[in-house]
Amino acid sequence: MNQDQLKQAVAQAAIDHIRPSLTDKSIIGVGTGSTANYFIDLLAQHKGFFDGAVASSEGTAERLKKHGIPVYDLNSVSDLEFYVDGADEANDHLELIKGGGAALTREKIVAAVARTFICIADGSKRVERLGAFPLPVEVIPMARSHVARELVKLGGDPVYREGVVTDNGNVILDVHNLMIGFAPELEQKINNIVGVVTNGLFANRPADLLLLGTSQGIQTLTR
């Protein structure tokens, strides 16, 4: 199977996992990116079995609405049973790097609310050590240079993502060449830099279930 077929297969695996638990009151958190888009398209086939969704980006909200799936503001939702999203990298501890699509802050917020965070990805995203994929950091625009200098002190090589403005009106620095050992500690260190909104390490709130699409079938990892 090619990469798109693997993404579709793992999106279907996520549907198969959540479908038995859905009720007419269920609200599902939905992530951003190509694999999440496959999930949305498949989820639409079951829209009569749940109430609606919370989107992690404006793009995701638009795609859900086009399928006729109600989209709720997270502030009006007290409980999310599931959050389903992709990743740019995932390790065996289910710690992730996310943010290639510049939606990391809203993704992290929705993940924090959800009872179960299901990460779906093709098998190429599984790594022994995080960091080959540049770590995205969302930054208040006026703090961009200051944050970049602080990231250099942490051993990274930050690169401004030209022409990208997040849904929150901020900018992205992609940090190359980071040696990510204990990911929860680095996540906190970067978040403590003044001007950082958040970074793309999902280590203090990792996934609960990782579904990987491979040529040998779906691999399932749990914490």
N, C-alpha and C. Protein backbone atom coordinates (compact mmCIF):
# COMPACT_ATOMS: atom_id res chain seq x y z
N MET A 1 0.83 -1.20 0.00
CA MET A 1 0.00 0.00 0.00
C MET A 1 0.87 1.26 0.00
N ASN A 2 0.40 2.31 -0.68
CA ASN A 2 1.13 3.56 -0.64
C ASN A 2 0.76 4.33 0.64
N GLN A 3 1.40 5.48 0.82
CA GLN A 3 1.22 6.21 2.08
C GLN A 3 -0.23 6.66 2.28
N ASP A 4 -0.88 7.11 1.22
CA ASP A 4 -2.27 7.53 1.35
C ASP A 4 -3.17 6.37 1.74
N GLN A 5 -2.91 5.20 1.20
CA GLN A 5 -3.71 4.02 1.56
C GLN A 5 -3.48 3.63 3.01
N LEU A 6 -2.24 3.79 3.48
CA LEU A 6 -1.95 3.49 4.88
C LEU A 6 -2.67 4.47 5.80
N LYS A 7 -2.71 5.74 5.41
CA LYS A 7 -3.41 6.74 6.20
C LYS A 7 -4.90 6.44 6.26
N GLN A 8 -5.46 6.04 5.14
CA GLN A 8 -6.88 5.72 5.12
C GLN A 8 -7.18 4.49 5.98
N ALA A 9 -6.29 3.50 5.92
CA ALA A 9 -6.49 2.28 6.71
C ALA A 9 -6.44 2.57 8.20
N VAL A 10 -5.52 3.42 8.62
CA VAL A 10 -5.40 3.70 10.05
C VAL A 10 -6.53 4.61 10.51
N ALA A 11 -7.03 5.47 9.62
CA ALA A 11 -8.21 6.27 9.96
C ALA A 11 -9.42 5.37 10.17
N GLN A 12 -9.55 4.34 9.33
CA GLN A 12 -10.65 3.38 9.50
C GLN A 12 -10.50 2.62 10.81
N ALA A 13 -9.27 2.30 11.19
CA ALA A 13 -9.03 1.61 12.46
C ALA A 13 -9.49 2.46 13.64
N ALA A 14 -9.29 3.78 13.54
CA ALA A 14 -9.76 4.67 14.61
C ALA A 14 -11.28 4.70 14.65
N ILE A 15 -11.94 4.71 13.50
CA ILE A 15 -13.40 4.64 13.45
C ILE A 15 -13.88 3.36 14.12
N ASP A 16 -13.25 2.25 13.78
CA ASP A 16 -13.64 0.96 14.34
C ASP A 16 -13.47 0.94 15.86
N HIS A 17 -12.47 1.68 16.36
CA HIS A 17 -12.22 1.72 17.80
C HIS A 17 -13.27 2.53 18.54
N ILE A 18 -13.64 3.68 17.99
CA ILE A 18 -14.54 4.57 18.73
C ILE A 18 -16.01 4.28 18.49
N ARG A 19 -16.33 3.68 17.34
CA ARG A 19 -17.73 3.53 16.95
C ARG A 19 -18.60 2.84 18.02
N PRO A 20 -18.15 1.75 18.67
CA PRO A 20 -19.01 1.09 19.66
C PRO A 20 -19.34 1.96 20.88
N SER A 21 -18.53 2.99 21.14
CA SER A 21 -18.73 3.84 22.33
C SER A 21 -19.57 5.07 22.05
N LEU A 22 -19.88 5.35 20.80
CA LEU A 22 -20.58 6.58 20.46
C LEU A 22 -22.05 6.53 20.86
N THR A 23 -22.52 7.67 21.36
CA THR A 23 -23.93 7.84 21.65
C THR A 23 -24.40 9.15 21.01
N ASP A 24 -25.71 9.41 21.08
CA ASP A 24 -26.21 10.64 20.48
C ASP A 24 -25.77 11.88 21.22
N LYS A 25 -25.07 11.71 22.37
CA LYS A 25 -24.54 12.84 23.12
C LYS A 25 -23.02 12.99 22.96
N SER A 26 -22.40 12.09 22.24
CA SER A 26 -20.94 12.09 22.11
C SER A 26 -20.46 13.27 21.26
N ILE A 27 -19.41 13.92 21.73
CA ILE A 27 -18.73 14.96 20.96
C ILE A 27 -17.27 14.53 20.82
N ILE A 28 -16.79 14.55 19.59
CA ILE A 28 -15.47 14.01 19.28
C ILE A 28 -14.52 15.15 18.94
N GLY A 29 -13.33 15.14 19.54
CA GLY A 29 -12.29 16.07 19.15
C GLY A 29 -11.60 15.57 17.90
N VAL A 30 -11.39 16.46 16.94
CA VAL A 30 -10.81 16.06 15.66
C VAL A 30 -9.61 16.94 15.34
N GLY A 31 -8.53 16.30 14.94
CA GLY A 31 -7.28 17.00 14.69
C GLY A 31 -7.16 17.57 13.29
N THR A 32 -5.93 17.88 12.92
CA THR A 32 -5.63 18.60 11.69
C THR A 32 -4.55 17.86 10.91
N GLY A 33 -4.68 17.86 9.60
CA GLY A 33 -3.65 17.25 8.76
C GLY A 33 -4.23 16.21 7.82
N SER A 34 -3.38 15.63 6.99
CA SER A 34 -3.85 14.72 5.94
C SER A 34 -4.47 13.45 6.50
N THR A 35 -3.88 12.89 7.56
CA THR A 35 -4.44 11.66 8.14
C THR A 35 -5.75 11.97 8.85
N ALA A 36 -5.80 13.10 9.55
CA ALA A 36 -7.05 13.52 10.19
C ALA A 36 -8.14 13.76 9.15
N ASN A 37 -7.77 14.24 7.97
CA ASN A 37 -8.77 14.46 6.92
C ASN A 37 -9.41 13.14 6.48
N TYR A 38 -8.60 12.09 6.38
CA TYR A 38 -9.17 10.78 6.06
C TYR A 38 -10.15 10.35 7.15
N PHE A 39 -9.79 10.63 8.40
CA PHE A 39 -10.66 10.27 9.52
C PHE A 39 -11.99 11.03 9.42
N ILE A 40 -11.92 12.32 9.10
CA ILE A 40 -13.14 13.13 8.98
C ILE A 40 -14.06 12.56 7.89
N ASP A 41 -13.47 12.23 6.75
CA ASP A 41 -14.27 11.73 5.65
C ASP A 41 -14.96 10.41 6.00
N LEU A 42 -14.28 9.56 6.75
CA LEU A 42 -14.89 8.30 7.18
C LEU A 42 -15.88 8.52 8.32
N LEU A 43 -15.57 9.46 9.20
CA LEU A 43 -16.46 9.77 10.32
C LEU A 43 -17.82 10.25 9.82
N ALA A 44 -17.82 10.93 8.70
CA ALA A 44 -19.06 11.47 8.15
C ALA A 44 -20.08 10.37 7.85
N GLN A 45 -19.60 9.16 7.59
CA GLN A 45 -20.50 8.05 7.31
C GLN A 45 -21.26 7.60 8.56
N HIS A 46 -20.83 8.09 9.72
CA HIS A 46 -21.44 7.68 10.99
C HIS A 46 -22.03 8.87 11.74
N LYS A 47 -22.28 9.97 11.04
CA LYS A 47 -22.66 11.21 11.72
C LYS A 47 -23.99 11.13 12.43
N GLY A 48 -24.82 10.14 12.12
CA GLY A 48 -26.08 9.97 12.82
C GLY A 48 -25.94 9.33 14.19
N PHE A 49 -24.72 8.90 14.53
CA PHE A 49 -24.51 8.16 15.77
C PHE A 49 -23.83 8.98 16.87
N PHE A 50 -23.55 10.27 16.60
CA PHE A 50 -22.95 11.12 17.62
C PHE A 50 -23.45 12.54 17.44
N ASP A 51 -23.18 13.39 18.44
CA ASP A 51 -23.75 14.74 18.46
C ASP A 51 -23.00 15.69 17.54
N GLY A 52 -21.67 15.70 17.62
CA GLY A 52 -20.89 16.64 16.83
C GLY A 52 -19.43 16.55 17.17
N ALA A 53 -18.68 17.60 16.83
CA ALA A 53 -17.23 17.56 16.98
C ALA A 53 -16.69 18.91 17.46
N VAL A 54 -15.50 18.87 18.03
CA VAL A 54 -14.69 20.05 18.30
C VAL A 54 -13.48 19.98 17.38
N ALA A 55 -13.20 21.06 16.67
CA ALA A 55 -12.12 21.08 15.68
C ALA A 55 -10.87 21.74 16.25
N SER A 56 -9.71 21.24 15.84
CA SER A 56 -8.44 21.80 16.31
C SER A 56 -7.91 22.89 15.39
N SER A 57 -8.64 23.19 14.31
CA SER A 57 -8.21 24.26 13.40
C SER A 57 -9.41 24.72 12.59
N GLU A 58 -9.26 25.88 11.98
CA GLU A 58 -10.33 26.40 11.12
C GLU A 58 -10.53 25.50 9.90
N GLY A 59 -9.43 24.95 9.38
CA GLY A 59 -9.54 24.06 8.24
C GLY A 59 -10.32 22.80 8.56
N THR A 60 -10.05 22.24 9.74
CA THR A 60 -10.78 21.05 10.16
C THR A 60 -12.26 21.36 10.37
N ALA A 61 -12.54 22.51 10.98
CA ALA A 61 -13.93 22.90 11.20
C ALA A 61 -14.68 23.01 9.87
N GLU A 62 -14.03 23.59 8.88
CA GLU A 62 -14.66 23.74 7.56
C GLU A 62 -14.95 22.38 6.93
N ARG A 63 -14.01 21.45 7.04
CA ARG A 63 -14.20 20.12 6.44
C ARG A 63 -15.32 19.37 7.15
N LEU A 64 -15.39 19.47 8.48
CA LEU A 64 -16.47 18.83 9.23
C LEU A 64 -17.83 19.39 8.82
N LYS A 65 -17.90 20.70 8.72
CA LYS A 65 -19.18 21.34 8.35
C LYS A 65 -19.62 20.95 6.95
N LYS A 66 -18.68 20.82 6.03
CA LYS A 66 -19.03 20.41 4.67
C LYS A 66 -19.66 19.03 4.65
N HIS A 67 -19.30 18.20 5.62
CA HIS A 67 -19.89 16.87 5.74
C HIS A 67 -21.19 16.89 6.56
N GLY A 68 -21.59 18.07 7.01
CA GLY A 68 -22.82 18.15 7.79
C GLY A 68 -22.66 17.74 9.25
N ILE A 69 -21.42 17.75 9.75
CA ILE A 69 -21.16 17.41 11.15
C ILE A 69 -21.15 18.70 11.96
N PRO A 70 -22.00 18.84 12.99
CA PRO A 70 -22.00 20.04 13.82
C PRO A 70 -20.65 20.25 14.50
N VAL A 71 -20.20 21.50 14.52
CA VAL A 71 -18.92 21.84 15.15
C VAL A 71 -19.19 22.74 16.35
N TYR A 72 -18.66 22.35 17.51
CA TYR A 72 -18.88 23.08 18.75
C TYR A 72 -17.62 23.83 19.17
N ASP A 73 -17.82 24.99 19.80
CA ASP A 73 -16.73 25.68 20.47
C ASP A 73 -16.37 24.89 21.72
N LEU A 74 -15.09 24.72 21.97
CA LEU A 74 -14.67 23.91 23.12
C LEU A 74 -15.18 24.48 24.44
N ASN A 75 -15.35 25.80 24.50
CA ASN A 75 -15.83 26.42 25.73
C ASN A 75 -17.26 26.01 26.09
N SER A 76 -17.98 25.49 25.12
CA SER A 76 -19.36 25.07 25.38
C SER A 76 -19.46 23.57 25.64
N VAL A 77 -18.30 22.90 25.68
CA VAL A 77 -18.28 21.45 25.84
C VAL A 77 -17.59 21.09 27.15
N SER A 78 -18.26 20.29 27.96
CA SER A 78 -17.68 19.91 29.25
C SER A 78 -16.90 18.61 29.18
N ASP A 79 -17.14 17.80 28.14
CA ASP A 79 -16.52 16.48 28.10
C ASP A 79 -16.28 16.05 26.66
N LEU A 80 -15.08 15.58 26.39
CA LEU A 80 -14.74 14.97 25.11
C LEU A 80 -14.29 13.54 25.39
N GLU A 81 -15.02 12.59 24.86
CA GLU A 81 -14.64 11.20 25.10
C GLU A 81 -13.38 10.83 24.33
N PHE A 82 -13.29 11.29 23.08
CA PHE A 82 -12.16 10.95 22.22
C PHE A 82 -11.60 12.20 21.54
N TYR A 83 -10.28 12.20 21.35
CA TYR A 83 -9.64 13.14 20.44
C TYR A 83 -8.80 12.31 19.48
N VAL A 84 -9.02 12.48 18.18
CA VAL A 84 -8.31 11.70 17.17
C VAL A 84 -7.51 12.66 16.29
N ASP A 85 -6.22 12.39 16.19
CA ASP A 85 -5.34 13.28 15.43
C ASP A 85 -4.12 12.51 14.95
N GLY A 86 -3.42 13.09 14.01
CA GLY A 86 -2.19 12.49 13.50
C GLY A 86 -0.97 12.99 14.25
N ALA A 87 0.21 12.70 13.71
CA ALA A 87 1.47 13.15 14.32
C ALA A 87 2.54 13.20 13.25
N ASP A 88 3.56 14.01 13.51
CA ASP A 88 4.71 14.07 12.62
C ASP A 88 5.78 13.06 13.05
N GLU A 89 5.83 12.77 14.34
CA GLU A 89 6.68 11.70 14.89
C GLU A 89 6.00 11.13 16.13
N ALA A 90 6.25 9.85 16.40
CA ALA A 90 5.73 9.20 17.60
C ALA A 90 6.74 8.16 18.07
N ASN A 91 6.99 8.14 19.39
CA ASN A 91 7.89 7.12 19.92
C ASN A 91 7.10 6.04 20.67
N ASP A 92 7.81 5.07 21.22
CA ASP A 92 7.14 3.94 21.87
C ASP A 92 6.51 4.32 23.21
N HIS A 93 6.83 5.51 23.73
CA HIS A 93 6.15 6.01 24.94
C HIS A 93 4.89 6.78 24.58
N LEU A 94 4.57 6.82 23.27
CA LEU A 94 3.42 7.55 22.74
C LEU A 94 3.57 9.05 22.91
N GLU A 95 4.82 9.51 23.09
CA GLU A 95 5.14 10.92 23.03
C GLU A 95 5.25 11.31 21.56
N LEU A 96 4.83 12.53 21.25
CA LEU A 96 4.68 12.92 19.86
C LEU A 96 5.37 14.24 19.57
N ILE A 97 5.70 14.45 18.29
CA ILE A 97 5.93 15.79 17.76
C ILE A 97 4.80 16.06 16.80
N LYS A 98 4.15 17.22 16.99
CA LYS A 98 3.06 17.65 16.15
C LYS A 98 3.27 19.12 15.79
N GLY A 99 2.53 19.58 14.80
CA GLY A 99 2.60 20.99 14.44
C GLY A 99 3.08 21.27 13.05
N GLY A 100 3.26 20.22 12.23
CA GLY A 100 3.64 20.45 10.85
C GLY A 100 2.60 21.27 10.09
N GLY A 101 1.35 21.17 10.55
CA GLY A 101 0.28 21.94 9.95
C GLY A 101 -0.03 23.23 10.68
N ALA A 102 0.82 23.60 11.65
CA ALA A 102 0.74 24.87 12.39
C ALA A 102 -0.49 24.98 13.29
N ALA A 103 -1.09 23.82 13.65
CA ALA A 103 -2.27 23.84 14.52
C ALA A 103 -1.96 23.33 15.92
N LEU A 104 -0.69 23.33 16.32
CA LEU A 104 -0.27 22.66 17.54
C LEU A 104 -0.93 23.17 18.81
N THR A 105 -1.17 24.48 18.91
CA THR A 105 -1.73 25.01 20.16
C THR A 105 -3.16 24.52 20.37
N ARG A 106 -3.98 24.64 19.35
CA ARG A 106 -5.36 24.18 19.49
C ARG A 106 -5.41 22.66 19.63
N GLU A 107 -4.51 21.96 18.96
CA GLU A 107 -4.44 20.51 19.11
C GLU A 107 -4.11 20.14 20.56
N LYS A 108 -3.18 20.86 21.14
CA LYS A 108 -2.79 20.55 22.52
C LYS A 108 -3.91 20.85 23.50
N ILE A 109 -4.67 21.90 23.24
CA ILE A 109 -5.80 22.25 24.11
C ILE A 109 -6.87 21.17 24.04
N VAL A 110 -7.22 20.75 22.82
CA VAL A 110 -8.26 19.72 22.69
C VAL A 110 -7.80 18.41 23.30
N ALA A 111 -6.54 18.06 23.11
CA ALA A 111 -6.00 16.83 23.70
C ALA A 111 -6.07 16.87 25.22
N ALA A 112 -5.87 18.05 25.80
CA ALA A 112 -5.90 18.19 27.26
C ALA A 112 -7.29 17.91 27.83
N VAL A 113 -8.32 18.20 27.05
CA VAL A 113 -9.69 18.03 27.52
C VAL A 113 -10.18 16.60 27.33
N ALA A 114 -9.68 15.93 26.29
CA ALA A 114 -10.20 14.60 25.95
C ALA A 114 -9.80 13.54 26.96
N ARG A 115 -10.73 12.62 27.20
CA ARG A 115 -10.43 11.49 28.08
C ARG A 115 -9.48 10.51 27.41
N THR A 116 -9.65 10.30 26.11
CA THR A 116 -8.80 9.37 25.37
C THR A 116 -8.28 10.05 24.11
N PHE A 117 -6.97 10.12 24.00
CA PHE A 117 -6.30 10.72 22.85
C PHE A 117 -5.79 9.59 21.97
N ILE A 118 -6.37 9.48 20.78
CA ILE A 118 -5.98 8.44 19.82
C ILE A 118 -5.16 9.10 18.73
N CYS A 119 -3.92 8.66 18.58
CA CYS A 119 -3.05 9.17 17.53
C CYS A 119 -3.04 8.17 16.38
N ILE A 120 -3.25 8.67 15.17
CA ILE A 120 -3.26 7.82 13.98
C ILE A 120 -2.18 8.30 13.02
N ALA A 121 -1.40 7.37 12.50
CA ALA A 121 -0.28 7.75 11.62
C ALA A 121 0.13 6.55 10.78
N ASP A 122 0.81 6.82 9.68
CA ASP A 122 1.41 5.71 8.95
C ASP A 122 2.70 5.30 9.66
N GLY A 123 3.13 4.09 9.42
CA GLY A 123 4.25 3.52 10.18
C GLY A 123 5.55 4.29 10.09
N SER A 124 5.72 5.11 9.06
CA SER A 124 6.96 5.88 8.91
C SER A 124 7.13 6.92 10.01
N LYS A 125 6.06 7.25 10.71
CA LYS A 125 6.12 8.28 11.75
C LYS A 125 6.66 7.73 13.08
N ARG A 126 6.76 6.42 13.20
CA ARG A 126 7.27 5.83 14.44
C ARG A 126 8.79 5.92 14.47
N VAL A 127 9.32 6.48 15.55
CA VAL A 127 10.77 6.67 15.69
C VAL A 127 11.23 6.18 17.06
N GLU A 128 12.51 5.87 17.14
CA GLU A 128 13.08 5.47 18.43
C GLU A 128 13.28 6.70 19.32
N ARG A 129 13.69 7.81 18.70
CA ARG A 129 13.96 9.04 19.44
C ARG A 129 13.38 10.22 18.67
N LEU A 130 12.64 11.06 19.36
CA LEU A 130 12.04 12.23 18.72
C LEU A 130 13.09 13.26 18.35
N GLY A 131 12.84 13.99 17.26
CA GLY A 131 13.69 15.12 16.96
C GLY A 131 14.20 15.21 15.54
N ALA A 132 14.10 14.15 14.75
CA ALA A 132 14.51 14.26 13.35
C ALA A 132 13.59 15.22 12.62
N PHE A 133 12.29 15.20 12.97
CA PHE A 133 11.36 16.18 12.43
C PHE A 133 11.54 17.47 13.22
N PRO A 134 11.73 18.61 12.54
CA PRO A 134 11.94 19.87 13.27
C PRO A 134 10.77 20.17 14.20
N LEU A 135 11.08 20.58 15.43
CA LEU A 135 10.06 20.82 16.44
C LEU A 135 9.41 22.19 16.23
N PRO A 136 8.10 22.24 15.95
CA PRO A 136 7.43 23.53 15.79
C PRO A 136 7.20 24.21 17.14
N VAL A 137 7.40 25.51 17.16
CA VAL A 137 7.13 26.32 18.36
C VAL A 137 6.28 27.50 17.93
N GLU A 138 5.11 27.65 18.53
CA GLU A 138 4.25 28.80 18.21
C GLU A 138 4.65 29.97 19.11
N VAL A 139 4.84 31.12 18.49
CA VAL A 139 5.44 32.26 19.17
C VAL A 139 4.63 33.53 18.91
N ILE A 140 4.48 34.37 19.95
CA ILE A 140 3.91 35.70 19.79
C ILE A 140 4.84 36.47 18.84
N PRO A 141 4.33 37.12 17.79
CA PRO A 141 5.20 37.70 16.76
C PRO A 141 6.30 38.62 17.30
N MET A 142 5.99 39.49 18.27
CA MET A 142 7.00 40.43 18.74
C MET A 142 8.14 39.73 19.49
N ALA A 143 7.93 38.49 19.90
CA ALA A 143 8.95 37.76 20.66
C ALA A 143 9.78 36.83 19.80
N ARG A 144 9.58 36.85 18.49
CA ARG A 144 10.21 35.85 17.63
C ARG A 144 11.73 35.80 17.79
N SER A 145 12.40 36.93 17.74
CA SER A 145 13.86 36.94 17.82
C SER A 145 14.34 36.52 19.20
N HIS A 146 13.67 37.00 20.24
CA HIS A 146 14.04 36.61 21.61
C HIS A 146 13.90 35.10 21.79
N VAL A 147 12.77 34.56 21.37
CA VAL A 147 12.55 33.12 21.53
C VAL A 147 13.60 32.34 20.74
N ALA A 148 13.92 32.80 19.54
CA ALA A 148 14.91 32.11 18.72
C ALA A 148 16.26 32.05 19.43
N ARG A 149 16.66 33.14 20.07
CA ARG A 149 17.94 33.15 20.80
C ARG A 149 17.91 32.16 21.96
N GLU A 150 16.79 32.08 22.64
CA GLU A 150 16.67 31.14 23.77
C GLU A 150 16.69 29.69 23.29
N LEU A 151 16.11 29.44 22.15
CA LEU A 151 16.10 28.09 21.60
C LEU A 151 17.50 27.66 21.17
N VAL A 152 18.29 28.62 20.70
CA VAL A 152 19.69 28.32 20.38
C VAL A 152 20.44 27.89 21.63
N LYS A 153 20.15 28.53 22.77
CA LYS A 153 20.79 28.16 24.04
C LYS A 153 20.45 26.73 24.45
N LEU A 154 19.29 26.24 23.99
CA LEU A 154 18.90 24.86 24.29
C LEU A 154 19.50 23.86 23.30
N GLY A 155 20.28 24.36 22.35
CA GLY A 155 20.96 23.48 21.40
C GLY A 155 20.27 23.33 20.08
N GLY A 156 19.19 24.09 19.86
CA GLY A 156 18.45 23.97 18.61
C GLY A 156 18.84 24.99 17.58
N ASP A 157 18.36 24.79 16.38
CA ASP A 157 18.60 25.70 15.26
C ASP A 157 17.23 26.14 14.74
N PRO A 158 16.69 27.25 15.30
CA PRO A 158 15.34 27.66 14.93
C PRO A 158 15.29 28.36 13.57
N VAL A 159 14.27 28.02 12.80
CA VAL A 159 14.07 28.60 11.48
C VAL A 159 12.64 29.15 11.41
N TYR A 160 12.51 30.41 11.06
CA TYR A 160 11.20 31.04 10.94
C TYR A 160 10.46 30.44 9.76
N ARG A 161 9.22 29.99 10.00
CA ARG A 161 8.41 29.42 8.93
C ARG A 161 7.76 30.57 8.15
N GLU A 162 8.39 30.92 7.06
CA GLU A 162 7.99 32.10 6.29
C GLU A 162 6.55 31.98 5.78
N GLY A 163 5.80 33.07 5.90
CA GLY A 163 4.48 33.14 5.30
C GLY A 163 3.38 32.40 6.04
N VAL A 164 3.69 31.88 7.22
CA VAL A 164 2.70 31.11 7.97
C VAL A 164 2.24 31.91 9.18
N VAL A 165 0.94 32.09 9.30
CA VAL A 165 0.32 32.69 10.47
C VAL A 165 -0.69 31.68 11.02
N THR A 166 -0.59 31.36 12.29
CA THR A 166 -1.49 30.36 12.87
C THR A 166 -2.91 30.91 12.99
N ASP A 167 -3.85 30.02 13.28
CA ASP A 167 -5.23 30.45 13.51
C ASP A 167 -5.35 31.40 14.69
N ASN A 168 -4.31 31.43 15.53
CA ASN A 168 -4.29 32.32 16.69
C ASN A 168 -3.58 33.64 16.41
N GLY A 169 -3.12 33.83 15.16
CA GLY A 169 -2.44 35.07 14.78
C GLY A 169 -0.97 35.12 15.13
N ASN A 170 -0.38 33.96 15.38
CA ASN A 170 1.03 33.90 15.78
C ASN A 170 1.90 33.31 14.67
N VAL A 171 3.21 33.21 14.94
CA VAL A 171 4.16 32.68 13.96
C VAL A 171 4.75 31.37 14.48
N ILE A 172 5.43 30.66 13.58
CA ILE A 172 6.03 29.37 13.92
C ILE A 172 7.54 29.43 13.72
N LEU A 173 8.27 28.94 14.70
CA LEU A 173 9.70 28.64 14.56
C LEU A 173 9.84 27.13 14.54
N ASP A 174 10.50 26.61 13.51
CA ASP A 174 10.79 25.18 13.43
C ASP A 174 12.22 24.95 13.91
N VAL A 175 12.35 24.15 14.96
CA VAL A 175 13.65 23.98 15.61
C VAL A 175 14.30 22.70 15.12
N HIS A 176 15.40 22.85 14.39
CA HIS A 176 16.16 21.72 13.85
C HIS A 176 17.26 21.31 14.82
N ASN A 177 17.72 20.09 14.65
CA ASN A 177 18.92 19.58 15.32
C ASN A 177 18.82 19.53 16.84
N LEU A 178 17.60 19.37 17.36
CA LEU A 178 17.45 19.21 18.80
C LEU A 178 17.71 17.76 19.19
N MET A 179 18.47 17.56 20.24
CA MET A 179 18.65 16.23 20.80
C MET A 179 17.62 16.06 21.92
N ILE A 180 16.54 15.37 21.62
CA ILE A 180 15.44 15.25 22.57
C ILE A 180 15.61 13.98 23.38
N GLY A 181 16.05 14.16 24.62
CA GLY A 181 16.21 13.03 25.52
C GLY A 181 14.93 12.80 26.30
N PHE A 182 14.81 13.49 27.45
CA PHE A 182 13.61 13.39 28.27
C PHE A 182 12.62 14.43 27.78
N ALA A 183 11.70 13.99 26.94
CA ALA A 183 10.81 14.91 26.23
C ALA A 183 9.93 15.76 27.15
N PRO A 184 9.36 15.22 28.24
CA PRO A 184 8.52 16.07 29.09
C PRO A 184 9.26 17.28 29.66
N GLU A 185 10.53 17.09 30.01
CA GLU A 185 11.31 18.20 30.56
C GLU A 185 11.58 19.27 29.51
N LEU A 186 11.94 18.84 28.30
CA LEU A 186 12.21 19.82 27.24
C LEU A 186 10.93 20.56 26.86
N GLU A 187 9.82 19.85 26.81
CA GLU A 187 8.54 20.51 26.52
C GLU A 187 8.29 21.65 27.50
N GLN A 188 8.52 21.39 28.79
CA GLN A 188 8.28 22.41 29.80
C GLN A 188 9.27 23.56 29.70
N LYS A 189 10.54 23.24 29.45
CA LYS A 189 11.56 24.29 29.32
C LYS A 189 11.21 25.26 28.20
N ILE A 190 10.81 24.72 27.05
CA ILE A 190 10.49 25.59 25.92
C ILE A 190 9.24 26.41 26.21
N ASN A 191 8.25 25.78 26.82
CA ASN A 191 7.02 26.51 27.15
C ASN A 191 7.27 27.63 28.16
N ASN A 192 8.32 27.52 28.94
CA ASN A 192 8.63 28.54 29.94
C ASN A 192 9.35 29.76 29.36
N ILE A 193 9.76 29.70 28.09
CA ILE A 193 10.39 30.86 27.46
C ILE A 193 9.32 31.93 27.23
N VAL A 194 9.57 33.12 27.69
CA VAL A 194 8.62 34.22 27.52
C VAL A 194 8.39 34.48 26.02
N GLY A 195 7.14 34.49 25.62
CA GLY A 195 6.79 34.70 24.22
C GLY A 195 6.36 33.44 23.50
N VAL A 196 6.67 32.29 24.10
CA VAL A 196 6.22 31.02 23.53
C VAL A 196 4.77 30.76 23.93
N VAL A 197 3.94 30.43 22.96
CA VAL A 197 2.57 30.02 23.26
C VAL A 197 2.58 28.56 23.67
N THR A 198 3.12 27.71 22.83
CA THR A 198 3.38 26.31 23.18
C THR A 198 4.28 25.73 22.11
N ASN A 199 4.76 24.52 22.36
CA ASN A 199 5.59 23.85 21.36
C ASN A 199 4.96 22.51 21.00
N GLY A 200 5.48 21.91 19.93
CA GLY A 200 4.86 20.72 19.36
C GLY A 200 5.21 19.41 20.02
N LEU A 201 5.87 19.43 21.17
CA LEU A 201 6.07 18.19 21.93
C LEU A 201 4.80 17.86 22.71
N PHE A 202 4.27 16.68 22.47
CA PHE A 202 3.14 16.17 23.24
C PHE A 202 3.69 15.04 24.10
N ALA A 203 4.33 15.43 25.20
CA ALA A 203 4.99 14.46 26.07
C ALA A 203 4.39 14.46 27.47
N ASN A 204 4.05 15.64 28.00
CA ASN A 204 3.37 15.69 29.29
C ASN A 204 1.92 15.22 29.16
N ARG A 205 1.36 15.36 27.98
CA ARG A 205 0.06 14.75 27.65
C ARG A 205 0.26 13.97 26.35
N PRO A 206 0.82 12.74 26.46
CA PRO A 206 1.03 11.94 25.26
C PRO A 206 -0.28 11.29 24.80
N ALA A 207 -0.22 10.56 23.71
CA ALA A 207 -1.38 9.80 23.26
C ALA A 207 -1.66 8.66 24.23
N ASP A 208 -2.91 8.24 24.28
CA ASP A 208 -3.29 7.06 25.05
C ASP A 208 -3.25 5.80 24.20
N LEU A 209 -3.50 5.99 22.92
CA LEU A 209 -3.52 4.88 21.96
C LEU A 209 -2.88 5.36 20.68
N LEU A 210 -1.93 4.58 20.16
CA LEU A 210 -1.26 4.90 18.90
C LEU A 210 -1.59 3.81 17.90
N LEU A 211 -2.23 4.20 16.80
CA LEU A 211 -2.55 3.28 15.72
C LEU A 211 -1.67 3.62 14.53
N LEU A 212 -0.91 2.63 14.06
CA LEU A 212 0.04 2.84 12.97
C LEU A 212 -0.35 1.98 11.77
N GLY A 213 -0.48 2.61 10.63
CA GLY A 213 -0.76 1.87 9.41
C GLY A 213 0.53 1.40 8.77
N THR A 214 0.68 0.08 8.61
CA THR A 214 1.88 -0.50 8.00
C THR A 214 1.45 -1.47 6.91
N SER A 215 2.42 -1.88 6.11
CA SER A 215 2.12 -2.83 5.03
C SER A 215 1.73 -4.20 5.58
N GLN A 216 2.04 -4.45 6.85
CA GLN A 216 1.66 -5.71 7.50
C GLN A 216 0.34 -5.59 8.26
N GLY A 217 -0.29 -4.41 8.20
CA GLY A 217 -1.54 -4.21 8.91
C GLY A 217 -1.41 -3.10 9.94
N ILE A 218 -2.42 -2.99 10.79
CA ILE A 218 -2.45 -1.93 11.81
C ILE A 218 -1.69 -2.38 13.05
N GLN A 219 -0.72 -1.58 13.47
CA GLN A 219 -0.01 -1.81 14.73
C GLN A 219 -0.67 -0.96 15.81
N THR A 220 -0.87 -1.53 16.99
CA THR A 220 -1.53 -0.85 18.09
C THR A 220 -0.59 -0.77 19.28
N LEU A 221 -0.34 0.45 19.75
CA LEU A 221 0.46 0.66 20.95
C LEU A 221 -0.37 1.43 21.97
N THR A 222 -0.28 1.03 23.23
CA THR A 222 -0.99 1.71 24.29
C THR A 222 -0.04 2.03 25.43
N ARG A 223 -0.43 3.03 26.24
CA ARG A 223 0.36 3.36 27.41
C ARG A 223 -0.02 2.46 28.57
